[in-house]
Amino acid sequence: MSLSDACHDFVTRMRDAKGEAARQLAVASLLADVAHYACPPFRYGDELLLLAAGCREYLDPTPSDADRVQRIVFLADSVRELLDRSPFEKVPVS
């Protein structure tokens, strides 16, 4: 399994979650995956820091108008998409 797979599984778990307890468990699981992929032999970078910060923010939210579920799912899906891209593929500029 890879970090990309973990992000995909996380987004699926969040989509299928039946309540806040299930979402909290999914986020805690993603945070554990992030810790796992931070150790050798893996060589991930800033995406781990972003995911860890997003998970911690979800689990210990600060007052915000933004939707926590949308924010963490968008972050995980963006990391998955970035990691699934070929290193030679050009990133589209909007």
PDB file of N, CA and C in Angstrom:
ATOM      1  N   MET A   1       0.845  -1.173   0.000  1.00  0.00           N
ATOM      2  CA  MET A   1       0.000   0.000   0.000  1.00  0.00           C
ATOM      3  C   MET A   1       0.889   1.234   0.000  1.00  0.00           C
ATOM      4  N   SER A   2       0.365   2.347  -0.485  1.00  0.00           N
ATOM      5  CA  SER A   2       1.114   3.598  -0.539  1.00  0.00           C
ATOM      6  C   SER A   2       0.299   4.702   0.136  1.00  0.00           C
ATOM      7  N   LEU A   3       0.913   5.863   0.262  1.00  0.00           N
ATOM      8  CA  LEU A   3       0.201   7.006   0.821  1.00  0.00           C
ATOM      9  C   LEU A   3      -0.994   7.364  -0.061  1.00  0.00           C
ATOM     10  N   SER A   4      -0.836   7.242  -1.356  1.00  0.00           N
ATOM     11  CA  SER A   4      -1.937   7.496  -2.274  1.00  0.00           C
ATOM     12  C   SER A   4      -3.106   6.562  -1.987  1.00  0.00           C
ATOM     13  N   ASP A   5      -2.812   5.279  -1.774  1.00  0.00           N
ATOM     14  CA  ASP A   5      -3.859   4.303  -1.435  1.00  0.00           C
ATOM     15  C   ASP A   5      -4.524   4.656  -0.103  1.00  0.00           C
ATOM     16  N   ALA A   6      -3.717   5.073   0.861  1.00  0.00           N
ATOM     17  CA  ALA A   6      -4.267   5.444   2.169  1.00  0.00           C
ATOM     18  C   ALA A   6      -5.212   6.641   2.036  1.00  0.00           C
ATOM     19  N   CYS A   7      -4.844   7.595   1.188  1.00  0.00           N
ATOM     20  CA  CYS A   7      -5.714   8.760   0.961  1.00  0.00           C
ATOM     21  C   CYS A   7      -7.012   8.337   0.278  1.00  0.00           C
ATOM     22  N   HIS A   8      -6.905   7.442  -0.686  1.00  0.00           N
ATOM     23  CA  HIS A   8      -8.106   6.944  -1.371  1.00  0.00           C
ATOM     24  C   HIS A   8      -9.018   6.228  -0.387  1.00  0.00           C
ATOM     25  N   ASP A   9      -8.456   5.353   0.421  1.00  0.00           N
ATOM     26  CA  ASP A   9      -9.252   4.626   1.415  1.00  0.00           C
ATOM     27  C   ASP A   9      -9.904   5.588   2.406  1.00  0.00           C
ATOM     28  N   PHE A  10      -9.165   6.619   2.789  1.00  0.00           N
ATOM     29  CA  PHE A  10      -9.694   7.611   3.720  1.00  0.00           C
ATOM     30  C   PHE A  10     -10.901   8.340   3.125  1.00  0.00           C
ATOM     31  N   VAL A  11     -10.765   8.795   1.891  1.00  0.00           N
ATOM     32  CA  VAL A  11     -11.872   9.510   1.246  1.00  0.00           C
ATOM     33  C   VAL A  11     -13.098   8.599   1.150  1.00  0.00           C
ATOM     34  N   THR A  12     -12.880   7.333   0.849  1.00  0.00           N
ATOM     35  CA  THR A  12     -13.987   6.369   0.780  1.00  0.00           C
ATOM     36  C   THR A  12     -14.639   6.199   2.151  1.00  0.00           C
ATOM     37  N   ARG A  13     -13.823   6.084   3.186  1.00  0.00           N
ATOM     38  CA  ARG A  13     -14.369   5.941   4.544  1.00  0.00           C
ATOM     39  C   ARG A  13     -15.156   7.177   4.967  1.00  0.00           C
ATOM     40  N   MET A  14     -14.669   8.350   4.605  1.00  0.00           N
ATOM     41  CA  MET A  14     -15.382   9.584   4.943  1.00  0.00           C
ATOM     42  C   MET A  14     -16.709   9.652   4.185  1.00  0.00           C
ATOM     43  N   ARG A  15     -16.694   9.239   2.937  1.00  0.00           N
ATOM     44  CA  ARG A  15     -17.914   9.248   2.128  1.00  0.00           C
ATOM     45  C   ARG A  15     -18.961   8.313   2.718  1.00  0.00           C
ATOM     46  N   ASP A  16     -18.525   7.163   3.213  1.00  0.00           N
ATOM     47  CA  ASP A  16     -19.440   6.148   3.720  1.00  0.00           C
ATOM     48  C   ASP A  16     -19.761   6.291   5.211  1.00  0.00           C
ATOM     49  N   ALA A  17     -19.111   7.239   5.888  1.00  0.00           N
ATOM     50  CA  ALA A  17     -19.297   7.392   7.333  1.00  0.00           C
ATOM     51  C   ALA A  17     -20.747   7.704   7.672  1.00  0.00           C
ATOM     52  N   LYS A  18     -21.249   7.051   8.688  1.00  0.00           N
ATOM     53  CA  LYS A  18     -22.644   7.213   9.109  1.00  0.00           C
ATOM     54  C   LYS A  18     -22.817   8.269  10.197  1.00  0.00           C
ATOM     55  N   GLY A  19     -21.748   8.840  10.648  1.00  0.00           N
ATOM     56  CA  GLY A  19     -21.856   9.861  11.689  1.00  0.00           C
ATOM     57  C   GLY A  19     -20.493  10.396  12.067  1.00  0.00           C
ATOM     58  N   GLU A  20     -20.496  11.310  13.013  1.00  0.00           N
ATOM     59  CA  GLU A  20     -19.255  11.969  13.417  1.00  0.00           C
ATOM     60  C   GLU A  20     -18.263  10.994  14.038  1.00  0.00           C
ATOM     61  N   ALA A  21     -18.729  10.020  14.791  1.00  0.00           N
ATOM     62  CA  ALA A  21     -17.807   9.047  15.396  1.00  0.00           C
ATOM     63  C   ALA A  21     -17.046   8.285  14.319  1.00  0.00           C
ATOM     64  N   ALA A  22     -17.713   7.900  13.254  1.00  0.00           N
ATOM     65  CA  ALA A  22     -17.052   7.189  12.148  1.00  0.00           C
ATOM     66  C   ALA A  22     -16.078   8.108  11.418  1.00  0.00           C
ATOM     67  N   ARG A  23     -16.430   9.379  11.277  1.00  0.00           N
ATOM     68  CA  ARG A  23     -15.507  10.332  10.634  1.00  0.00           C
ATOM     69  C   ARG A  23     -14.274  10.550  11.498  1.00  0.00           C
ATOM     70  N   GLN A  24     -14.463  10.679  12.809  1.00  0.00           N
ATOM     71  CA  GLN A  24     -13.328  10.857  13.727  1.00  0.00           C
ATOM     72  C   GLN A  24     -12.382   9.658  13.651  1.00  0.00           C
ATOM     73  N   LEU A  25     -12.951   8.455  13.584  1.00  0.00           N
ATOM     74  CA  LEU A  25     -12.144   7.238  13.477  1.00  0.00           C
ATOM     75  C   LEU A  25     -11.365   7.220  12.159  1.00  0.00           C
ATOM     76  N   ALA A  26     -11.996   7.628  11.072  1.00  0.00           N
ATOM     77  CA  ALA A  26     -11.327   7.671   9.766  1.00  0.00           C
ATOM     78  C   ALA A  26     -10.170   8.663   9.788  1.00  0.00           C
ATOM     79  N   VAL A  27     -10.374   9.823  10.394  1.00  0.00           N
ATOM     80  CA  VAL A  27      -9.316  10.838  10.469  1.00  0.00           C
ATOM     81  C   VAL A  27      -8.170  10.339  11.348  1.00  0.00           C
ATOM     82  N   ALA A  28      -8.489   9.713  12.470  1.00  0.00           N
ATOM     83  CA  ALA A  28      -7.442   9.167  13.351  1.00  0.00           C
ATOM     84  C   ALA A  28      -6.648   8.087  12.625  1.00  0.00           C
ATOM     85  N   SER A  29      -7.327   7.286  11.823  1.00  0.00           N
ATOM     86  CA  SER A  29      -6.651   6.245  11.043  1.00  0.00           C
ATOM     87  C   SER A  29      -5.724   6.860   9.990  1.00  0.00           C
ATOM     88  N   LEU A  30      -6.183   7.923   9.329  1.00  0.00           N
ATOM     89  CA  LEU A  30      -5.324   8.607   8.353  1.00  0.00           C
ATOM     90  C   LEU A  30      -4.101   9.198   9.047  1.00  0.00           C
ATOM     91  N   LEU A  31      -4.285   9.761  10.219  1.00  0.00           N
ATOM     92  CA  LEU A  31      -3.150  10.321  10.966  1.00  0.00           C
ATOM     93  C   LEU A  31      -2.153   9.218  11.313  1.00  0.00           C
ATOM     94  N   ALA A  32      -2.626   8.023  11.656  1.00  0.00           N
ATOM     95  CA  ALA A  32      -1.735   6.882  11.921  1.00  0.00           C
ATOM     96  C   ALA A  32      -1.002   6.475  10.643  1.00  0.00           C
ATOM     97  N   ASP A  33      -1.707   6.495   9.514  1.00  0.00           N
ATOM     98  CA  ASP A  33      -1.058   6.182   8.235  1.00  0.00           C
ATOM     99  C   ASP A  33       0.029   7.202   7.918  1.00  0.00           C
ATOM    100  N   VAL A  34      -0.242   8.474   8.182  1.00  0.00           N
ATOM    101  CA  VAL A  34       0.744   9.530   7.947  1.00  0.00           C
ATOM    102  C   VAL A  34       1.999   9.256   8.782  1.00  0.00           C
ATOM    103  N   ALA A  35       1.815   8.878  10.042  1.00  0.00           N
ATOM    104  CA  ALA A  35       2.964   8.565  10.908  1.00  0.00           C
ATOM    105  C   ALA A  35       3.744   7.375  10.349  1.00  0.00           C
ATOM    106  N   HIS A  36       3.037   6.380   9.848  1.00  0.00           N
ATOM    107  CA  HIS A  36       3.685   5.203   9.259  1.00  0.00           C
ATOM    108  C   HIS A  36       4.534   5.602   8.045  1.00  0.00           C
ATOM    109  N   TYR A  37       3.975   6.427   7.167  1.00  0.00           N
ATOM    110  CA  TYR A  37       4.675   6.805   5.941  1.00  0.00           C
ATOM    111  C   TYR A  37       5.741   7.875   6.164  1.00  0.00           C
ATOM    112  N   ALA A  38       5.845   8.381   7.384  1.00  0.00           N
ATOM    113  CA  ALA A  38       6.900   9.344   7.701  1.00  0.00           C
ATOM    114  C   ALA A  38       8.215   8.646   8.044  1.00  0.00           C
ATOM    115  N   CYS A  39       8.161   7.315   8.201  1.00  0.00           N
ATOM    116  CA  CYS A  39       9.347   6.541   8.590  1.00  0.00           C
ATOM    117  C   CYS A  39       9.994   5.885   7.370  1.00  0.00           C
ATOM    118  N   PRO A  40      11.325   5.662   7.452  1.00  0.00           N
ATOM    119  CA  PRO A  40      11.993   4.949   6.363  1.00  0.00           C
ATOM    120  C   PRO A  40      11.364   3.574   6.179  1.00  0.00           C
ATOM    121  N   PRO A  41      11.319   3.078   5.005  1.00  0.00           N
ATOM    122  CA  PRO A  41      12.028   3.473   3.793  1.00  0.00           C
ATOM    123  C   PRO A  41      11.259   4.475   2.931  1.00  0.00           C
ATOM    124  N   PHE A  42      10.129   4.986   3.429  1.00  0.00           N
ATOM    125  CA  PHE A  42       9.318   5.887   2.622  1.00  0.00           C
ATOM    126  C   PHE A  42       9.991   7.250   2.503  1.00  0.00           C
ATOM    127  N   ARG A  43       9.705   7.927   1.388  1.00  0.00           N
ATOM    128  CA  ARG A  43      10.330   9.225   1.127  1.00  0.00           C
ATOM    129  C   ARG A  43       9.289  10.253   0.691  1.00  0.00           C
ATOM    130  N   TYR A  44       8.326  10.477   1.537  1.00  0.00           N
ATOM    131  CA  TYR A  44       7.342  11.512   1.249  1.00  0.00           C
ATOM    132  C   TYR A  44       7.823  12.813   1.878  1.00  0.00           C
ATOM    133  N   GLY A  45       7.235  13.914   1.474  1.00  0.00           N
ATOM    134  CA  GLY A  45       7.693  15.209   1.963  1.00  0.00           C
ATOM    135  C   GLY A  45       6.580  16.027   2.581  1.00  0.00           C
ATOM    136  N   ASP A  46       6.378  17.205   1.999  1.00  0.00           N
ATOM    137  CA  ASP A  46       5.432  18.166   2.558  1.00  0.00           C
ATOM    138  C   ASP A  46       4.005  17.645   2.606  1.00  0.00           C
ATOM    139  N   GLU A  47       3.670  16.698   1.728  1.00  0.00           N
ATOM    140  CA  GLU A  47       2.307  16.175   1.751  1.00  0.00           C
ATOM    141  C   GLU A  47       1.988  15.524   3.099  1.00  0.00           C
ATOM    142  N   LEU A  48       3.002  14.933   3.746  1.00  0.00           N
ATOM    143  CA  LEU A  48       2.780  14.346   5.073  1.00  0.00           C
ATOM    144  C   LEU A  48       2.485  15.428   6.102  1.00  0.00           C
ATOM    145  N   LEU A  49       3.225  16.526   6.014  1.00  0.00           N
ATOM    146  CA  LEU A  49       3.003  17.630   6.957  1.00  0.00           C
ATOM    147  C   LEU A  49       1.609  18.220   6.781  1.00  0.00           C
ATOM    148  N   LEU A  50       1.184  18.375   5.528  1.00  0.00           N
ATOM    149  CA  LEU A  50      -0.147  18.920   5.248  1.00  0.00           C
ATOM    150  C   LEU A  50      -1.248  18.000   5.758  1.00  0.00           C
ATOM    151  N   LEU A  51      -1.105  16.709   5.489  1.00  0.00           N
ATOM    152  CA  LEU A  51      -2.111  15.757   5.948  1.00  0.00           C
ATOM    153  C   LEU A  51      -2.162  15.685   7.474  1.00  0.00           C
ATOM    154  N   ALA A  52      -1.002  15.667   8.115  1.00  0.00           N
ATOM    155  CA  ALA A  52      -0.960  15.612   9.577  1.00  0.00           C
ATOM    156  C   ALA A  52      -1.624  16.851  10.179  1.00  0.00           C
ATOM    157  N   ALA A  53      -1.315  18.015   9.626  1.00  0.00           N
ATOM    158  CA  ALA A  53      -1.921  19.255  10.124  1.00  0.00           C
ATOM    159  C   ALA A  53      -3.433  19.242   9.905  1.00  0.00           C
ATOM    160  N   GLY A  54      -3.868  18.765   8.752  1.00  0.00           N
ATOM    161  CA  GLY A  54      -5.297  18.685   8.472  1.00  0.00           C
ATOM    162  C   GLY A  54      -6.014  17.733   9.413  1.00  0.00           C
ATOM    163  N   CYS A  55      -5.396  16.600   9.695  1.00  0.00           N
ATOM    164  CA  CYS A  55      -5.990  15.632  10.623  1.00  0.00           C
ATOM    165  C   CYS A  55      -6.084  16.214  12.028  1.00  0.00           C
ATOM    166  N   ARG A  56      -5.013  16.831  12.474  1.00  0.00           N
ATOM    167  CA  ARG A  56      -5.020  17.408  13.828  1.00  0.00           C
ATOM    168  C   ARG A  56      -6.045  18.530  13.940  1.00  0.00           C
ATOM    169  N   GLU A  57      -6.165  19.328  12.897  1.00  0.00           N
ATOM    170  CA  GLU A  57      -7.154  20.395  12.895  1.00  0.00           C
ATOM    171  C   GLU A  57      -8.564  19.817  12.962  1.00  0.00           C
ATOM    172  N   TYR A  58      -8.803  18.737  12.248  1.00  0.00           N
ATOM    173  CA  TYR A  58     -10.122  18.095  12.276  1.00  0.00           C
ATOM    174  C   TYR A  58     -10.419  17.547  13.667  1.00  0.00           C
ATOM    175  N   LEU A  59      -9.438  16.882  14.265  1.00  0.00           N
ATOM    176  CA  LEU A  59      -9.651  16.241  15.557  1.00  0.00           C
ATOM    177  C   LEU A  59      -9.733  17.240  16.701  1.00  0.00           C
ATOM    178  N   ASP A  60      -9.098  18.395  16.545  1.00  0.00           N
ATOM    179  CA  ASP A  60      -9.121  19.441  17.572  1.00  0.00           C
ATOM    180  C   ASP A  60      -9.433  20.758  16.873  1.00  0.00           C
ATOM    181  N   PRO A  61     -10.676  20.932  16.431  1.00  0.00           N
ATOM    182  CA  PRO A  61     -11.001  22.074  15.575  1.00  0.00           C
ATOM    183  C   PRO A  61     -10.932  23.416  16.291  1.00  0.00           C
ATOM    184  N   THR A  62     -10.510  24.399  15.553  1.00  0.00           N
ATOM    185  CA  THR A  62     -10.579  25.773  16.010  1.00  0.00           C
ATOM    186  C   THR A  62     -11.822  26.376  15.370  1.00  0.00           C
ATOM    187  N   PRO A  63     -12.356  27.409  15.954  1.00  0.00           N
ATOM    188  CA  PRO A  63     -13.550  28.015  15.353  1.00  0.00           C
ATOM    189  C   PRO A  63     -13.269  28.451  13.911  1.00  0.00           C
ATOM    190  N   SER A  64     -14.138  28.021  13.006  1.00  0.00           N
ATOM    191  CA  SER A  64     -13.962  28.324  11.596  1.00  0.00           C
ATOM    192  C   SER A  64     -15.305  28.229  10.899  1.00  0.00           C
ATOM    193  N   ASP A  65     -15.468  29.011   9.845  1.00  0.00           N
ATOM    194  CA  ASP A  65     -16.685  28.933   9.052  1.00  0.00           C
ATOM    195  C   ASP A  65     -16.595  27.816   8.020  1.00  0.00           C
ATOM    196  N   ALA A  66     -15.401  27.293   7.797  1.00  0.00           N
ATOM    197  CA  ALA A  66     -15.204  26.259   6.785  1.00  0.00           C
ATOM    198  C   ALA A  66     -15.722  24.909   7.301  1.00  0.00           C
ATOM    199  N   ASP A  67     -16.179  24.081   6.391  1.00  0.00           N
ATOM    200  CA  ASP A  67     -16.671  22.752   6.724  1.00  0.00           C
ATOM    201  C   ASP A  67     -15.478  21.819   6.920  1.00  0.00           C
ATOM    202  N   ARG A  68     -15.347  21.236   8.116  1.00  0.00           N
ATOM    203  CA  ARG A  68     -14.197  20.373   8.428  1.00  0.00           C
ATOM    204  C   ARG A  68     -14.137  19.152   7.538  1.00  0.00           C
ATOM    205  N   VAL A  69     -15.271  18.549   7.247  1.00  0.00           N
ATOM    206  CA  VAL A  69     -15.298  17.344   6.414  1.00  0.00           C
ATOM    207  C   VAL A  69     -14.819  17.680   5.005  1.00  0.00           C
ATOM    208  N   GLN A  70     -15.363  18.735   4.428  1.00  0.00           N
ATOM    209  CA  GLN A  70     -14.951  19.115   3.077  1.00  0.00           C
ATOM    210  C   GLN A  70     -13.466  19.430   3.015  1.00  0.00           C
ATOM    211  N   ARG A  71     -12.963  20.117   4.030  1.00  0.00           N
ATOM    212  CA  ARG A  71     -11.555  20.530   4.044  1.00  0.00           C
ATOM    213  C   ARG A  71     -10.627  19.316   4.070  1.00  0.00           C
ATOM    214  N   ILE A  72     -10.859  18.356   4.970  1.00  0.00           N
ATOM    215  CA  ILE A  72      -9.953  17.214   5.100  1.00  0.00           C
ATOM    216  C   ILE A  72     -10.089  16.264   3.915  1.00  0.00           C
ATOM    217  N   VAL A  73     -11.295  16.081   3.395  1.00  0.00           N
ATOM    218  CA  VAL A  73     -11.480  15.215   2.234  1.00  0.00           C
ATOM    219  C   VAL A  73     -10.806  15.832   1.012  1.00  0.00           C
ATOM    220  N   PHE A  74     -10.949  17.140   0.825  1.00  0.00           N
ATOM    221  CA  PHE A  74     -10.293  17.817  -0.295  1.00  0.00           C
ATOM    222  C   PHE A  74      -8.778  17.674  -0.185  1.00  0.00           C
ATOM    223  N   LEU A  75      -8.241  17.850   0.998  1.00  0.00           N
ATOM    224  CA  LEU A  75      -6.795  17.742   1.197  1.00  0.00           C
ATOM    225  C   LEU A  75      -6.304  16.336   0.863  1.00  0.00           C
ATOM    226  N   ALA A  76      -6.953  15.312   1.387  1.00  0.00           N
ATOM    227  CA  ALA A  76      -6.527  13.930   1.133  1.00  0.00           C
ATOM    228  C   ALA A  76      -6.665  13.578  -0.342  1.00  0.00           C
ATOM    229  N   ASP A  77      -7.751  14.013  -0.964  1.00  0.00           N
ATOM    230  CA  ASP A  77      -7.947  13.706  -2.377  1.00  0.00           C
ATOM    231  C   ASP A  77      -6.929  14.443  -3.246  1.00  0.00           C
ATOM    232  N   SER A  78      -6.564  15.655  -2.856  1.00  0.00           N
ATOM    233  CA  SER A  78      -5.549  16.405  -3.604  1.00  0.00           C
ATOM    234  C   SER A  78      -4.183  15.735  -3.510  1.00  0.00           C
ATOM    235  N   VAL A  79      -3.826  15.247  -2.322  1.00  0.00           N
ATOM    236  CA  VAL A  79      -2.553  14.542  -2.148  1.00  0.00           C
ATOM    237  C   VAL A  79      -2.559  13.259  -2.970  1.00  0.00           C
ATOM    238  N   ARG A  80      -3.666  12.519  -2.941  1.00  0.00           N
ATOM    239  CA  ARG A  80      -3.764  11.294  -3.738  1.00  0.00           C
ATOM    240  C   ARG A  80      -3.585  11.592  -5.218  1.00  0.00           C
ATOM    241  N   GLU A  81      -4.246  12.630  -5.698  1.00  0.00           N
ATOM    242  CA  GLU A  81      -4.143  12.988  -7.112  1.00  0.00           C
ATOM    243  C   GLU A  81      -2.709  13.390  -7.476  1.00  0.00           C
ATOM    244  N   LEU A  82      -2.057  14.142  -6.604  1.00  0.00           N
ATOM    245  CA  LEU A  82      -0.676  14.548  -6.849  1.00  0.00           C
ATOM    246  C   LEU A  82       0.248  13.333  -6.900  1.00  0.00           C
ATOM    247  N   LEU A  83       0.084  12.396  -5.977  1.00  0.00           N
ATOM    248  CA  LEU A  83       0.957  11.227  -5.926  1.00  0.00           C
ATOM    249  C   LEU A  83       0.692  10.251  -7.065  1.00  0.00           C
ATOM    250  N   ASP A  84      -0.518  10.239  -7.584  1.00  0.00           N
ATOM    251  CA  ASP A  84      -0.859   9.335  -8.684  1.00  0.00           C
ATOM    252  C   ASP A  84      -0.417   9.865 -10.042  1.00  0.00           C
ATOM    253  N   ARG A  85       0.044  11.090 -10.089  1.00  0.00           N
ATOM    254  CA  ARG A  85       0.453  11.715 -11.346  1.00  0.00           C
ATOM    255  C   ARG A  85       1.862  11.245 -11.719  1.00  0.00           C
ATOM    256  N   SER A  86       2.054  11.008 -12.990  1.00  0.00           N
ATOM    257  CA  SER A  86       3.372  10.655 -13.498  1.00  0.00           C
ATOM    258  C   SER A  86       4.331  11.808 -13.249  1.00  0.00           C
ATOM    259  N   PRO A  87       5.589  11.524 -12.922  1.00  0.00           N
ATOM    260  CA  PRO A  87       6.541  12.619 -12.681  1.00  0.00           C
ATOM    261  C   PRO A  87       6.788  13.469 -13.935  1.00  0.00           C
ATOM    262  N   PHE A  88       6.420  12.956 -15.096  1.00  0.00           N
ATOM    263  CA  PHE A  88       6.647  13.692 -16.340  1.00  0.00           C
ATOM    264  C   PHE A  88       5.395  14.434 -16.814  1.00  0.00           C
ATOM    265  N   GLU A  89       4.284  14.215 -16.118  1.00  0.00           N
ATOM    266  CA  GLU A  89       3.030  14.857 -16.505  1.00  0.00           C
ATOM    267  C   GLU A  89       3.038  16.318 -16.064  1.00  0.00           C
ATOM    268  N   LYS A  90       2.649  17.196 -16.953  1.00  0.00           N
ATOM    269  CA  LYS A  90       2.600  18.610 -16.615  1.00  0.00           C
ATOM    270  C   LYS A  90       1.344  18.890 -15.797  1.00  0.00           C
ATOM    271  N   VAL A  91       1.512  19.705 -14.772  1.00  0.00           N
ATOM    272  CA  VAL A  91       0.390  20.081 -13.920  1.00  0.00           C
ATOM    273  C   VAL A  91      -0.369  21.207 -14.628  1.00  0.00           C
ATOM    274  N   PRO A  92      -1.687  21.040 -14.817  1.00  0.00           N
ATOM    275  CA  PRO A  92      -2.455  22.091 -15.478  1.00  0.00           C
ATOM    276  C   PRO A  92      -2.476  23.365 -14.634  1.00  0.00           C
ATOM    277  N   VAL A  93      -2.351  24.488 -15.294  1.00  0.00           N
ATOM    278  CA  VAL A  93      -2.382  25.781 -14.613  1.00  0.00           C
ATOM    279  C   VAL A  93      -3.735  26.419 -14.893  1.00  0.00           C
ATOM    280  N   SER A  94      -4.407  26.830 -13.833  1.00  0.00           N
ATOM    281  CA  SER A  94      -5.718  27.445 -14.012  1.00  0.00           C
ATOM    282  C   SER A  94      -5.605  28.932 -14.184  1.00  0.00           C
TER     283      SER A  94
END
